[in-house]
């Protein structure tokens, strides 16, 4: 199940973060629609997604699609390690 919330002119507040945590207790994916009053351009979306991830923690990932931020909760923290190369394992 995917929940949808809106981020308005007040921005990221404690109430907004609390609402996200409540939604994540019931489902793994939340779409955040960023309204015009909360952004000026597309670069603002990237900054907002990074700020959300900073507040939520390591178990979350974000993807910006259009004017929406898709947040996903994982069981374990997602690392940004490089994928393993099979040739290096044999040496």
C-alpha atoms as a PDB file:
ATOM      1  CA  UNK A   1       0.000   0.000   0.000  1.00  0.00           C
ATOM      2  CA  UNK A   2       1.271   3.477  -0.868  1.00  0.00           C
ATOM      3  CA  UNK A   3       0.297   6.523   1.176  1.00  0.00           C
ATOM      4  CA  UNK A   4       0.302  10.053  -0.218  1.00  0.00           C
ATOM      5  CA  UNK A   5       0.907  13.275   1.703  1.00  0.00           C
ATOM      6  CA  UNK A   6       1.396  16.905   0.695  1.00  0.00           C
ATOM      7  CA  UNK A   7       4.246  19.190   1.667  1.00  0.00           C
ATOM      8  CA  UNK A   8       3.117  22.823   1.724  1.00  0.00           C
ATOM      9  CA  UNK A   9       4.425  26.269   2.549  1.00  0.00           C
ATOM     10  CA  UNK A  10       5.270  25.373   6.174  1.00  0.00           C
ATOM     11  CA  UNK A  11       7.925  22.968   4.905  1.00  0.00           C
ATOM     12  CA  UNK A  12       9.357  20.124   6.939  1.00  0.00           C
ATOM     13  CA  UNK A  13       8.112  20.514  10.509  1.00  0.00           C
ATOM     14  CA  UNK A  14       7.979  18.178  13.500  1.00  0.00           C
ATOM     15  CA  UNK A  15       4.276  17.580  12.792  1.00  0.00           C
ATOM     16  CA  UNK A  16       5.028  16.608   9.198  1.00  0.00           C
ATOM     17  CA  UNK A  17       7.808  14.235  10.296  1.00  0.00           C
ATOM     18  CA  UNK A  18       5.516  12.713  12.930  1.00  0.00           C
ATOM     19  CA  UNK A  19       2.842  12.143  10.294  1.00  0.00           C
ATOM     20  CA  UNK A  20       5.415  10.429   8.042  1.00  0.00           C
ATOM     21  CA  UNK A  21       6.489   8.139  10.885  1.00  0.00           C
ATOM     22  CA  UNK A  22       2.861   7.167  11.526  1.00  0.00           C
ATOM     23  CA  UNK A  23       2.403   6.331   7.844  1.00  0.00           C
ATOM     24  CA  UNK A  24       5.646   4.320   7.815  1.00  0.00           C
ATOM     25  CA  UNK A  25       4.433   2.264  10.766  1.00  0.00           C
ATOM     26  CA  UNK A  26       1.654   0.924   8.504  1.00  0.00           C
ATOM     27  CA  UNK A  27       3.272   0.837   5.060  1.00  0.00           C
ATOM     28  CA  UNK A  28       6.699   0.891   3.406  1.00  0.00           C
ATOM     29  CA  UNK A  29       6.223   3.546   0.702  1.00  0.00           C
ATOM     30  CA  UNK A  30       5.018   7.154   1.005  1.00  0.00           C
ATOM     31  CA  UNK A  31       4.658   9.656  -1.850  1.00  0.00           C
ATOM     32  CA  UNK A  32       5.165  13.287  -0.878  1.00  0.00           C
ATOM     33  CA  UNK A  33       3.599  15.789  -3.287  1.00  0.00           C
ATOM     34  CA  UNK A  34       5.508  19.061  -3.032  1.00  0.00           C
ATOM     35  CA  UNK A  35       3.130  21.963  -3.611  1.00  0.00           C
ATOM     36  CA  UNK A  36       4.107  25.126  -5.510  1.00  0.00           C
ATOM     37  CA  UNK A  37       4.200  27.131  -2.292  1.00  0.00           C
ATOM     38  CA  UNK A  38       6.973  24.875  -0.916  1.00  0.00           C
ATOM     39  CA  UNK A  39       9.306  25.068  -3.925  1.00  0.00           C
ATOM     40  CA  UNK A  40      10.613  27.518  -6.476  1.00  0.00           C
ATOM     41  CA  UNK A  41      12.286  25.110  -8.887  1.00  0.00           C
ATOM     42  CA  UNK A  42      13.303  21.475  -9.372  1.00  0.00           C
ATOM     43  CA  UNK A  43      16.543  21.858  -7.398  1.00  0.00           C
ATOM     44  CA  UNK A  44      14.467  22.572  -4.285  1.00  0.00           C
ATOM     45  CA  UNK A  45      12.998  19.073  -4.537  1.00  0.00           C
ATOM     46  CA  UNK A  46      16.435  17.475  -4.276  1.00  0.00           C
ATOM     47  CA  UNK A  47      17.262  19.602  -1.229  1.00  0.00           C
ATOM     48  CA  UNK A  48      13.947  18.703   0.406  1.00  0.00           C
ATOM     49  CA  UNK A  49      14.475  14.985  -0.217  1.00  0.00           C
ATOM     50  CA  UNK A  50      17.966  15.133   1.317  1.00  0.00           C
ATOM     51  CA  UNK A  51      16.604  16.989   4.340  1.00  0.00           C
ATOM     52  CA  UNK A  52      13.836  14.407   4.781  1.00  0.00           C
ATOM     53  CA  UNK A  53      16.368  11.570   4.661  1.00  0.00           C
ATOM     54  CA  UNK A  54      18.537  13.353   7.220  1.00  0.00           C
ATOM     55  CA  UNK A  55      15.582  13.561   9.629  1.00  0.00           C
ATOM     56  CA  UNK A  56      14.225  10.053   8.993  1.00  0.00           C
ATOM     57  CA  UNK A  57      17.460   8.064   9.248  1.00  0.00           C
ATOM     58  CA  UNK A  58      19.505   5.466   7.398  1.00  0.00           C
ATOM     59  CA  UNK A  59      16.691   2.975   6.750  1.00  0.00           C
ATOM     60  CA  UNK A  60      15.036   5.249   4.189  1.00  0.00           C
ATOM     61  CA  UNK A  61      15.660   6.096   0.543  1.00  0.00           C
ATOM     62  CA  UNK A  62      14.208   8.848  -1.633  1.00  0.00           C
ATOM     63  CA  UNK A  63      13.559   9.218  -5.333  1.00  0.00           C
ATOM     64  CA  UNK A  64      12.397  12.422  -7.014  1.00  0.00           C
ATOM     65  CA  UNK A  65       9.865  11.895  -9.823  1.00  0.00           C
ATOM     66  CA  UNK A  66       8.403  15.078 -11.255  1.00  0.00           C
ATOM     67  CA  UNK A  67       7.234  17.159  -8.309  1.00  0.00           C
ATOM     68  CA  UNK A  68       6.863  14.149  -6.017  1.00  0.00           C
ATOM     69  CA  UNK A  69       9.322  12.579  -3.608  1.00  0.00           C
ATOM     70  CA  UNK A  70       8.881   8.829  -3.194  1.00  0.00           C
ATOM     71  CA  UNK A  71      10.166   7.695   0.198  1.00  0.00           C
ATOM     72  CA  UNK A  72      10.741   4.027   0.936  1.00  0.00           C
ATOM     73  CA  UNK A  73      11.498   2.339   4.251  1.00  0.00           C
ATOM     74  CA  UNK A  74      13.889  -0.619   4.343  1.00  0.00           C
ATOM     75  CA  UNK A  75      14.481  -3.164   7.072  1.00  0.00           C
ATOM     76  CA  UNK A  76      18.211  -2.501   7.119  1.00  0.00           C
ATOM     77  CA  UNK A  77      20.191   0.639   6.366  1.00  0.00           C
ATOM     78  CA  UNK A  78      20.961   1.008   2.668  1.00  0.00           C
ATOM     79  CA  UNK A  79      24.668   1.426   2.046  1.00  0.00           C
ATOM     80  CA  UNK A  80      26.166   3.193  -0.937  1.00  0.00           C
ATOM     81  CA  UNK A  81      28.906   0.640  -1.442  1.00  0.00           C
ATOM     82  CA  UNK A  82      30.091  -0.250  -4.894  1.00  0.00           C
ATOM     83  CA  UNK A  83      28.811  -3.560  -6.251  1.00  0.00           C
ATOM     84  CA  UNK A  84      31.189  -6.474  -5.897  1.00  0.00           C
ATOM     85  CA  UNK A  85      33.162  -7.581  -8.877  1.00  0.00           C
ATOM     86  CA  UNK A  86      33.360 -11.389  -9.238  1.00  0.00           C
ATOM     87  CA  UNK A  87      36.850 -11.228 -10.725  1.00  0.00           C
ATOM     88  CA  UNK A  88      38.230  -9.492  -7.626  1.00  0.00           C
ATOM     89  CA  UNK A  89      36.878 -12.201  -5.309  1.00  0.00           C
ATOM     90  CA  UNK A  90      38.977 -14.949  -6.936  1.00  0.00           C
ATOM     91  CA  UNK A  91      42.309 -13.167  -6.478  1.00  0.00           C
END
